């Protein structure tokens, strides 16, 4: 019995947990409810400047009703595994609402990543997801920074 409890404790200690999963959207949002301009919340601006040491900018995510996404000045660490390199990603692509495990997310695609500082050595396109936060409008957009289990992320609020 004692051996079993030790093994169980070791297994539980190795479990990882993304702390944001409790706030990700579990009910499918309507497209019209997510269309709009999203700006970083106060905590995100503090994280960007204090922990990321990025120069002051105005990041934004714009979702148009025709399925176009425009990102502007998103700190590069969202695609560099949480390592700030001081650059910013901007570009135009497509978006749609897709199921991701038990949550709903934005499936985004960029054909041209030449304005992505995070991908300077990787020309071409990019497909990724941006998690939605909340169960009713206005939703937030969450971008994980580094390991999801570390609990670092940037959140953008609809304006």
N, C-alpha and C. Protein backbone atom coordinates (compact mmCIF):
# COMPACT_ATOMS: atom_id res chain seq x y z
N UNK A 1 0.83 -1.19 0.00
CA UNK A 1 0.00 0.00 0.00
C UNK A 1 0.88 1.26 0.00
N UNK A 2 1.91 1.26 0.79
CA UNK A 2 2.80 2.41 0.87
C UNK A 2 3.45 2.68 -0.47
N UNK A 3 3.88 1.62 -1.17
CA UNK A 3 4.50 1.77 -2.49
C UNK A 3 3.51 2.37 -3.48
N UNK A 4 2.27 1.95 -3.41
CA UNK A 4 1.24 2.48 -4.29
C UNK A 4 1.07 3.98 -4.07
N UNK A 5 1.03 4.42 -2.82
CA UNK A 5 0.85 5.84 -2.51
C UNK A 5 2.04 6.66 -2.99
N UNK A 6 3.24 6.11 -2.88
CA UNK A 6 4.44 6.82 -3.35
C UNK A 6 4.38 6.98 -4.86
N UNK A 7 4.02 5.91 -5.57
CA UNK A 7 3.91 5.97 -7.03
C UNK A 7 2.83 6.97 -7.43
N UNK A 8 1.70 6.94 -6.74
CA UNK A 8 0.61 7.86 -7.04
C UNK A 8 1.06 9.32 -6.81
N UNK A 9 1.79 9.57 -5.75
CA UNK A 9 2.28 10.92 -5.47
C UNK A 9 3.24 11.40 -6.56
N UNK A 10 4.11 10.52 -7.03
CA UNK A 10 5.06 10.86 -8.09
C UNK A 10 4.32 11.17 -9.38
N UNK A 11 3.32 10.38 -9.70
CA UNK A 11 2.53 10.60 -10.92
C UNK A 11 1.80 11.94 -10.84
N UNK A 12 1.18 12.22 -9.70
CA UNK A 12 0.45 13.49 -9.55
C UNK A 12 1.39 14.69 -9.60
N UNK A 13 2.58 14.54 -9.05
CA UNK A 13 3.54 15.65 -9.07
C UNK A 13 3.99 15.97 -10.48
N UNK A 14 3.96 14.99 -11.37
CA UNK A 14 4.38 15.20 -12.74
C UNK A 14 3.29 15.75 -13.63
N UNK A 15 2.05 15.81 -13.13
CA UNK A 15 0.95 16.33 -13.93
C UNK A 15 1.12 17.82 -14.16
N UNK A 16 0.79 18.23 -15.36
CA UNK A 16 0.90 19.63 -15.73
C UNK A 16 -0.51 20.17 -15.93
N UNK A 17 -0.66 21.48 -15.77
CA UNK A 17 -1.99 22.08 -15.85
C UNK A 17 -1.89 23.50 -16.37
N UNK A 18 -2.59 23.77 -17.43
CA UNK A 18 -2.70 25.13 -17.97
C UNK A 18 -3.75 25.85 -17.14
N UNK A 19 -3.36 26.85 -16.34
CA UNK A 19 -4.32 27.50 -15.45
C UNK A 19 -5.42 28.28 -16.18
N UNK A 20 -5.25 28.54 -17.45
CA UNK A 20 -6.27 29.29 -18.19
C UNK A 20 -7.43 28.41 -18.67
N UNK A 21 -7.29 27.09 -18.61
CA UNK A 21 -8.35 26.23 -19.13
C UNK A 21 -9.68 26.46 -18.43
N UNK A 22 -9.65 26.95 -17.21
CA UNK A 22 -10.89 27.18 -16.48
C UNK A 22 -11.66 28.39 -17.01
N UNK A 23 -11.03 29.24 -17.81
CA UNK A 23 -11.72 30.43 -18.33
C UNK A 23 -11.89 30.40 -19.85
N UNK A 24 -11.34 29.39 -20.52
CA UNK A 24 -11.54 29.28 -21.96
C UNK A 24 -13.01 29.04 -22.27
N UNK A 25 -13.45 29.49 -23.42
CA UNK A 25 -14.83 29.40 -23.85
C UNK A 25 -15.23 27.95 -24.15
N UNK A 26 -16.33 27.50 -23.54
CA UNK A 26 -16.80 26.13 -23.76
C UNK A 26 -18.09 26.08 -24.56
N UNK A 27 -18.72 27.23 -24.79
CA UNK A 27 -19.94 27.31 -25.58
C UNK A 27 -19.61 28.01 -26.89
N UNK A 28 -20.03 27.44 -28.01
CA UNK A 28 -19.68 28.01 -29.31
C UNK A 28 -20.21 29.44 -29.46
N UNK A 29 -19.29 30.39 -29.67
CA UNK A 29 -19.72 31.79 -29.87
C UNK A 29 -20.26 32.00 -31.28
N UNK A 30 -21.10 33.01 -31.42
CA UNK A 30 -21.57 33.42 -32.74
C UNK A 30 -20.47 34.28 -33.37
N UNK A 31 -20.31 34.17 -34.66
CA UNK A 31 -19.29 34.93 -35.38
C UNK A 31 -19.43 36.42 -35.11
N UNK A 32 -20.64 36.94 -35.18
CA UNK A 32 -20.85 38.38 -34.97
C UNK A 32 -20.44 38.84 -33.57
N UNK A 33 -20.44 37.92 -32.61
CA UNK A 33 -20.08 38.28 -31.24
C UNK A 33 -18.57 38.42 -31.03
N UNK A 34 -17.78 37.92 -31.97
CA UNK A 34 -16.33 38.05 -31.82
C UNK A 34 -15.72 39.07 -32.77
N UNK A 35 -16.47 39.48 -33.78
CA UNK A 35 -15.98 40.49 -34.72
C UNK A 35 -15.72 41.79 -33.97
N UNK A 36 -14.56 42.41 -34.23
CA UNK A 36 -14.25 43.68 -33.60
C UNK A 36 -12.76 43.90 -33.42
N UNK A 37 -12.44 44.94 -32.69
CA UNK A 37 -11.05 45.31 -32.41
C UNK A 37 -10.75 44.94 -30.96
N UNK A 38 -9.62 44.26 -30.77
CA UNK A 38 -9.20 43.82 -29.45
C UNK A 38 -7.88 44.48 -29.09
N UNK A 39 -7.84 45.03 -27.87
CA UNK A 39 -6.64 45.68 -27.35
C UNK A 39 -6.20 44.97 -26.08
N UNK A 40 -4.90 45.01 -25.76
CA UNK A 40 -4.43 44.31 -24.57
C UNK A 40 -5.01 44.90 -23.28
N UNK A 41 -5.32 44.02 -22.33
CA UNK A 41 -5.80 44.51 -21.04
C UNK A 41 -4.62 45.06 -20.23
N UNK A 42 -4.91 45.64 -19.10
CA UNK A 42 -3.89 46.28 -18.26
C UNK A 42 -2.81 45.29 -17.84
N UNK A 43 -3.20 44.09 -17.42
CA UNK A 43 -2.21 43.08 -17.01
C UNK A 43 -1.27 42.71 -18.15
N UNK A 44 -1.81 42.64 -19.35
CA UNK A 44 -0.99 42.30 -20.51
C UNK A 44 0.01 43.41 -20.80
N UNK A 45 -0.42 44.65 -20.73
CA UNK A 45 0.51 45.76 -20.98
C UNK A 45 1.64 45.77 -19.95
N UNK A 46 1.31 45.44 -18.70
CA UNK A 46 2.33 45.36 -17.66
C UNK A 46 3.29 44.20 -17.94
N UNK A 47 2.76 43.05 -18.32
CA UNK A 47 3.58 41.89 -18.65
C UNK A 47 4.52 42.19 -19.82
N UNK A 48 3.99 42.83 -20.85
CA UNK A 48 4.78 43.15 -22.04
C UNK A 48 5.96 44.06 -21.69
N UNK A 49 5.72 45.07 -20.87
CA UNK A 49 6.79 46.02 -20.57
C UNK A 49 7.72 45.53 -19.46
N UNK A 50 7.18 45.00 -18.39
CA UNK A 50 8.02 44.62 -17.25
C UNK A 50 8.76 43.31 -17.44
N UNK A 51 8.05 42.30 -17.89
CA UNK A 51 8.70 41.00 -18.04
C UNK A 51 9.32 40.82 -19.41
N UNK A 52 8.64 41.32 -20.43
CA UNK A 52 9.17 41.17 -21.79
C UNK A 52 10.17 42.24 -22.18
N UNK A 53 10.16 43.36 -21.46
CA UNK A 53 11.04 44.50 -21.74
C UNK A 53 10.89 45.00 -23.18
N UNK A 54 9.65 44.97 -23.68
CA UNK A 54 9.38 45.49 -25.01
C UNK A 54 9.23 46.99 -24.95
N UNK A 55 9.58 47.65 -26.05
CA UNK A 55 9.36 49.09 -26.13
C UNK A 55 7.85 49.35 -26.20
N UNK A 56 7.42 50.53 -25.76
CA UNK A 56 5.98 50.82 -25.76
C UNK A 56 5.41 50.83 -27.19
N UNK A 57 4.35 50.07 -27.37
CA UNK A 57 3.63 50.02 -28.65
C UNK A 57 2.15 49.86 -28.35
N UNK A 58 1.36 49.82 -29.37
CA UNK A 58 -0.08 49.61 -29.24
C UNK A 58 -0.47 48.35 -29.99
N UNK A 59 -0.36 47.18 -29.35
CA UNK A 59 -0.75 45.94 -30.02
C UNK A 59 -2.27 45.89 -30.22
N UNK A 60 -2.68 45.23 -31.28
CA UNK A 60 -4.12 45.05 -31.50
C UNK A 60 -4.37 43.82 -32.37
N UNK A 61 -5.56 43.29 -32.21
CA UNK A 61 -6.06 42.20 -33.04
C UNK A 61 -7.42 42.65 -33.56
N UNK A 62 -7.59 42.65 -34.87
CA UNK A 62 -8.85 43.05 -35.48
C UNK A 62 -9.44 41.86 -36.23
N UNK A 63 -10.69 41.53 -35.90
CA UNK A 63 -11.41 40.46 -36.58
C UNK A 63 -12.53 41.10 -37.40
N UNK A 64 -12.44 40.95 -38.72
CA UNK A 64 -13.45 41.50 -39.61
C UNK A 64 -14.51 40.44 -39.90
N UNK A 65 -15.71 40.88 -40.25
CA UNK A 65 -16.80 39.93 -40.48
C UNK A 65 -16.65 39.12 -41.76
N UNK A 66 -15.68 39.48 -42.60
CA UNK A 66 -15.44 38.68 -43.82
C UNK A 66 -14.41 37.57 -43.57
N UNK A 67 -14.00 37.36 -42.32
CA UNK A 67 -13.04 36.31 -41.99
C UNK A 67 -11.60 36.76 -42.06
N UNK A 68 -11.37 38.06 -42.15
CA UNK A 68 -10.01 38.61 -42.17
C UNK A 68 -9.56 38.94 -40.75
N UNK A 69 -8.32 38.59 -40.42
CA UNK A 69 -7.71 38.99 -39.16
C UNK A 69 -6.54 39.90 -39.47
N UNK A 70 -6.41 40.96 -38.70
CA UNK A 70 -5.27 41.87 -38.83
C UNK A 70 -4.64 41.97 -37.44
N UNK A 71 -3.37 41.58 -37.35
CA UNK A 71 -2.67 41.76 -36.09
C UNK A 71 -1.63 42.86 -36.28
N UNK A 72 -1.47 43.67 -35.25
CA UNK A 72 -0.55 44.80 -35.31
C UNK A 72 0.27 44.85 -34.03
N UNK A 73 1.58 44.85 -34.18
CA UNK A 73 2.51 45.03 -33.05
C UNK A 73 2.32 44.02 -31.92
N UNK A 74 2.09 42.76 -32.26
CA UNK A 74 1.99 41.72 -31.23
C UNK A 74 3.43 41.33 -30.85
N UNK A 75 3.80 41.43 -29.56
CA UNK A 75 5.16 41.06 -29.16
C UNK A 75 5.52 39.65 -29.63
N UNK A 76 6.73 39.51 -30.16
CA UNK A 76 7.13 38.26 -30.81
C UNK A 76 7.15 37.03 -29.91
N UNK A 77 7.12 37.20 -28.60
CA UNK A 77 7.26 36.04 -27.72
C UNK A 77 6.06 35.10 -27.75
N UNK A 78 4.97 35.50 -28.40
CA UNK A 78 3.84 34.57 -28.52
C UNK A 78 4.19 33.42 -29.46
N UNK A 79 5.22 33.60 -30.31
CA UNK A 79 5.64 32.54 -31.23
C UNK A 79 7.09 32.10 -31.03
N UNK A 80 7.74 32.61 -29.99
CA UNK A 80 9.14 32.23 -29.72
C UNK A 80 9.26 31.49 -28.40
N UNK A 81 8.22 30.74 -28.07
CA UNK A 81 8.21 29.92 -26.85
C UNK A 81 8.46 30.74 -25.60
N UNK A 82 7.95 31.98 -25.59
CA UNK A 82 8.03 32.83 -24.42
C UNK A 82 9.32 33.59 -24.26
N UNK A 83 10.21 33.49 -25.23
CA UNK A 83 11.48 34.22 -25.17
C UNK A 83 11.32 35.55 -25.89
N UNK A 84 11.38 36.67 -25.16
CA UNK A 84 11.25 37.97 -25.82
C UNK A 84 12.49 38.31 -26.64
N UNK A 85 12.27 38.65 -27.90
CA UNK A 85 13.38 39.05 -28.77
C UNK A 85 13.31 40.53 -29.13
N UNK A 86 12.31 41.22 -28.59
CA UNK A 86 12.20 42.66 -28.81
C UNK A 86 11.50 43.06 -30.09
N UNK A 87 11.04 42.09 -30.88
CA UNK A 87 10.37 42.40 -32.13
C UNK A 87 8.86 42.30 -32.01
N UNK A 88 8.19 42.67 -33.09
CA UNK A 88 6.73 42.67 -33.11
C UNK A 88 6.23 42.03 -34.39
N UNK A 89 5.09 41.36 -34.27
CA UNK A 89 4.47 40.71 -35.42
C UNK A 89 3.26 41.51 -35.87
N UNK A 90 3.19 41.72 -37.17
CA UNK A 90 2.05 42.38 -37.79
C UNK A 90 1.73 41.63 -39.07
N UNK A 91 0.46 41.55 -39.42
CA UNK A 91 0.10 40.87 -40.65
C UNK A 91 -1.40 40.75 -40.81
N UNK A 92 -1.75 40.21 -41.96
CA UNK A 92 -3.15 40.04 -42.34
C UNK A 92 -3.34 38.59 -42.74
N UNK A 93 -4.45 38.00 -42.28
CA UNK A 93 -4.72 36.60 -42.60
C UNK A 93 -6.20 36.32 -42.52
N UNK A 94 -6.52 35.07 -42.19
CA UNK A 94 -7.92 34.65 -42.10
C UNK A 94 -8.17 34.06 -40.72
N UNK A 95 -9.43 34.08 -40.32
CA UNK A 95 -9.82 33.49 -39.04
C UNK A 95 -11.17 32.80 -39.17
N UNK A 96 -11.38 31.83 -38.28
CA UNK A 96 -12.68 31.18 -38.13
C UNK A 96 -12.76 30.63 -36.71
N UNK A 97 -13.96 30.39 -36.26
CA UNK A 97 -14.16 29.82 -34.93
C UNK A 97 -14.12 28.30 -35.07
N UNK A 98 -13.27 27.65 -34.29
CA UNK A 98 -13.10 26.20 -34.36
C UNK A 98 -13.07 25.61 -32.96
N UNK A 99 -13.48 24.37 -32.86
CA UNK A 99 -13.41 23.64 -31.60
C UNK A 99 -11.97 23.19 -31.38
N UNK A 100 -11.45 23.39 -30.17
CA UNK A 100 -10.11 22.94 -29.78
C UNK A 100 -10.28 22.15 -28.47
N UNK A 101 -10.19 20.83 -28.57
CA UNK A 101 -10.49 19.95 -27.45
C UNK A 101 -11.90 20.29 -26.95
N UNK A 102 -12.06 20.67 -25.68
CA UNK A 102 -13.42 21.00 -25.22
C UNK A 102 -13.71 22.50 -25.25
N UNK A 103 -12.82 23.28 -25.83
CA UNK A 103 -12.95 24.74 -25.85
C UNK A 103 -13.12 25.24 -27.28
N UNK A 104 -13.47 26.53 -27.38
CA UNK A 104 -13.60 27.19 -28.68
C UNK A 104 -12.47 28.19 -28.84
N UNK A 105 -11.94 28.24 -30.05
CA UNK A 105 -10.77 29.08 -30.33
C UNK A 105 -10.92 29.70 -31.71
N UNK A 106 -10.04 30.66 -31.97
CA UNK A 106 -9.92 31.22 -33.30
C UNK A 106 -8.84 30.44 -34.03
N UNK A 107 -9.19 29.84 -35.12
CA UNK A 107 -8.20 29.21 -35.98
C UNK A 107 -7.75 30.28 -36.96
N UNK A 108 -6.47 30.63 -36.93
CA UNK A 108 -5.98 31.72 -37.76
C UNK A 108 -4.90 31.22 -38.72
N UNK A 109 -4.86 31.85 -39.87
CA UNK A 109 -3.85 31.51 -40.86
C UNK A 109 -3.31 32.75 -41.53
N UNK A 110 -1.99 32.75 -41.71
CA UNK A 110 -1.31 33.85 -42.37
C UNK A 110 -0.50 33.27 -43.51
N UNK A 111 -0.77 33.70 -44.74
CA UNK A 111 0.00 33.22 -45.90
C UNK A 111 1.35 33.90 -46.01
N UNK A 112 1.42 35.14 -45.55
CA UNK A 112 2.65 35.92 -45.66
C UNK A 112 3.07 36.37 -44.27
N UNK A 113 4.19 35.87 -43.80
CA UNK A 113 4.66 36.23 -42.46
C UNK A 113 5.92 37.11 -42.53
N UNK A 114 6.09 37.84 -43.62
CA UNK A 114 7.29 38.66 -43.76
C UNK A 114 7.34 39.78 -42.74
N UNK A 115 6.21 40.16 -42.17
CA UNK A 115 6.20 41.21 -41.14
C UNK A 115 6.18 40.62 -39.73
N UNK A 116 6.47 39.34 -39.61
CA UNK A 116 6.51 38.69 -38.31
C UNK A 116 7.97 38.63 -37.85
N UNK A 117 8.31 39.44 -36.85
CA UNK A 117 9.67 39.41 -36.32
C UNK A 117 10.00 38.04 -35.74
N UNK A 118 9.01 37.35 -35.19
CA UNK A 118 9.24 36.05 -34.57
C UNK A 118 9.59 34.98 -35.59
N UNK A 119 9.31 35.20 -36.86
CA UNK A 119 9.53 34.18 -37.89
C UNK A 119 10.50 34.66 -38.97
N UNK A 120 11.46 35.50 -38.63
CA UNK A 120 12.36 36.07 -39.64
C UNK A 120 13.15 35.00 -40.37
N UNK A 121 13.45 33.91 -39.72
CA UNK A 121 14.22 32.84 -40.37
C UNK A 121 13.33 31.72 -40.89
N UNK A 122 12.02 31.94 -40.90
CA UNK A 122 11.08 30.92 -41.33
C UNK A 122 10.05 31.53 -42.28
N UNK A 123 10.45 31.88 -43.49
CA UNK A 123 9.49 32.50 -44.41
C UNK A 123 8.36 31.53 -44.78
N UNK A 124 7.26 32.10 -45.19
CA UNK A 124 6.13 31.28 -45.59
C UNK A 124 4.90 31.64 -44.81
N UNK A 125 4.08 30.65 -44.54
CA UNK A 125 2.82 30.89 -43.84
C UNK A 125 2.83 30.39 -42.42
N UNK A 126 1.74 30.65 -41.73
CA UNK A 126 1.58 30.22 -40.35
C UNK A 126 0.12 29.91 -40.09
N UNK A 127 -0.13 28.80 -39.45
CA UNK A 127 -1.46 28.45 -38.97
C UNK A 127 -1.35 28.20 -37.47
N UNK A 128 -2.24 28.80 -36.70
CA UNK A 128 -2.19 28.63 -35.25
C UNK A 128 -3.58 28.89 -34.68
N UNK A 129 -3.68 28.83 -33.37
CA UNK A 129 -4.94 29.11 -32.69
C UNK A 129 -4.74 30.19 -31.64
N UNK A 130 -5.80 30.94 -31.44
CA UNK A 130 -5.87 31.93 -30.38
C UNK A 130 -7.10 31.55 -29.57
N UNK A 131 -6.91 31.29 -28.29
CA UNK A 131 -8.01 30.82 -27.46
C UNK A 131 -8.97 31.96 -27.13
N UNK A 132 -10.24 31.62 -27.04
CA UNK A 132 -11.26 32.58 -26.62
C UNK A 132 -11.50 32.40 -25.12
N UNK A 133 -11.77 33.51 -24.44
CA UNK A 133 -12.00 33.50 -23.00
C UNK A 133 -13.39 34.06 -22.73
N UNK A 134 -14.12 33.39 -21.84
CA UNK A 134 -15.45 33.84 -21.44
C UNK A 134 -16.54 32.97 -22.04
N UNK A 135 -17.71 33.04 -21.42
CA UNK A 135 -18.84 32.23 -21.88
C UNK A 135 -19.90 33.05 -22.61
N UNK A 136 -19.74 34.35 -22.60
CA UNK A 136 -20.69 35.22 -23.31
C UNK A 136 -19.95 36.48 -23.73
N UNK A 137 -20.48 37.19 -24.72
CA UNK A 137 -19.83 38.41 -25.18
C UNK A 137 -19.80 39.45 -24.06
N UNK A 138 -18.83 40.31 -24.05
CA UNK A 138 -17.68 40.35 -24.96
C UNK A 138 -16.62 39.33 -24.56
N UNK A 139 -16.15 38.58 -25.54
CA UNK A 139 -15.10 37.59 -25.32
C UNK A 139 -13.74 38.28 -25.29
N UNK A 140 -12.76 37.57 -24.75
CA UNK A 140 -11.37 38.02 -24.81
C UNK A 140 -10.61 37.03 -25.69
N UNK A 141 -9.48 37.48 -26.21
CA UNK A 141 -8.59 36.60 -26.97
C UNK A 141 -7.34 36.39 -26.13
N UNK A 142 -6.96 35.14 -25.95
CA UNK A 142 -5.80 34.78 -25.14
C UNK A 142 -4.69 34.22 -26.03
N UNK A 143 -3.51 34.80 -25.90
CA UNK A 143 -2.32 34.29 -26.58
C UNK A 143 -1.36 33.77 -25.52
N UNK A 144 -1.05 32.50 -25.56
CA UNK A 144 -0.13 31.90 -24.60
C UNK A 144 1.28 32.39 -24.87
N UNK A 145 2.01 32.66 -23.80
CA UNK A 145 3.40 33.09 -23.89
C UNK A 145 4.25 31.99 -23.27
N UNK A 146 4.92 31.20 -24.11
CA UNK A 146 5.76 30.11 -23.60
C UNK A 146 4.95 28.87 -23.28
N UNK A 147 5.39 28.13 -22.28
CA UNK A 147 4.74 26.89 -21.85
C UNK A 147 3.37 27.22 -21.26
N UNK A 148 2.30 26.62 -21.76
CA UNK A 148 0.97 26.91 -21.22
C UNK A 148 0.88 26.64 -19.71
N UNK A 149 1.62 25.66 -19.22
CA UNK A 149 1.58 25.32 -17.81
C UNK A 149 2.19 26.40 -16.92
N UNK A 150 2.97 27.30 -17.51
CA UNK A 150 3.59 28.37 -16.73
C UNK A 150 2.59 29.48 -16.40
N UNK A 151 1.47 29.51 -17.11
CA UNK A 151 0.43 30.48 -16.80
C UNK A 151 0.71 31.90 -17.27
N UNK A 152 1.56 32.04 -18.28
CA UNK A 152 1.81 33.38 -18.84
C UNK A 152 1.04 33.51 -20.13
N UNK A 153 0.36 34.63 -20.26
CA UNK A 153 -0.38 34.85 -21.49
C UNK A 153 -0.75 36.31 -21.64
N UNK A 154 -1.06 36.67 -22.85
CA UNK A 154 -1.52 38.02 -23.16
C UNK A 154 -3.01 37.93 -23.47
N UNK A 155 -3.80 38.80 -22.85
CA UNK A 155 -5.23 38.82 -23.12
C UNK A 155 -5.63 40.14 -23.74
N UNK A 156 -6.46 40.03 -24.77
CA UNK A 156 -6.92 41.18 -25.53
C UNK A 156 -8.43 41.30 -25.34
N UNK A 157 -8.87 42.51 -24.98
CA UNK A 157 -10.29 42.79 -24.74
C UNK A 157 -10.90 43.49 -25.95
N UNK A 158 -12.15 43.18 -26.19
CA UNK A 158 -12.87 43.82 -27.29
C UNK A 158 -13.22 45.26 -26.91
N UNK A 159 -12.95 46.18 -27.83
CA UNK A 159 -13.23 47.60 -27.61
C UNK A 159 -14.36 48.06 -28.47
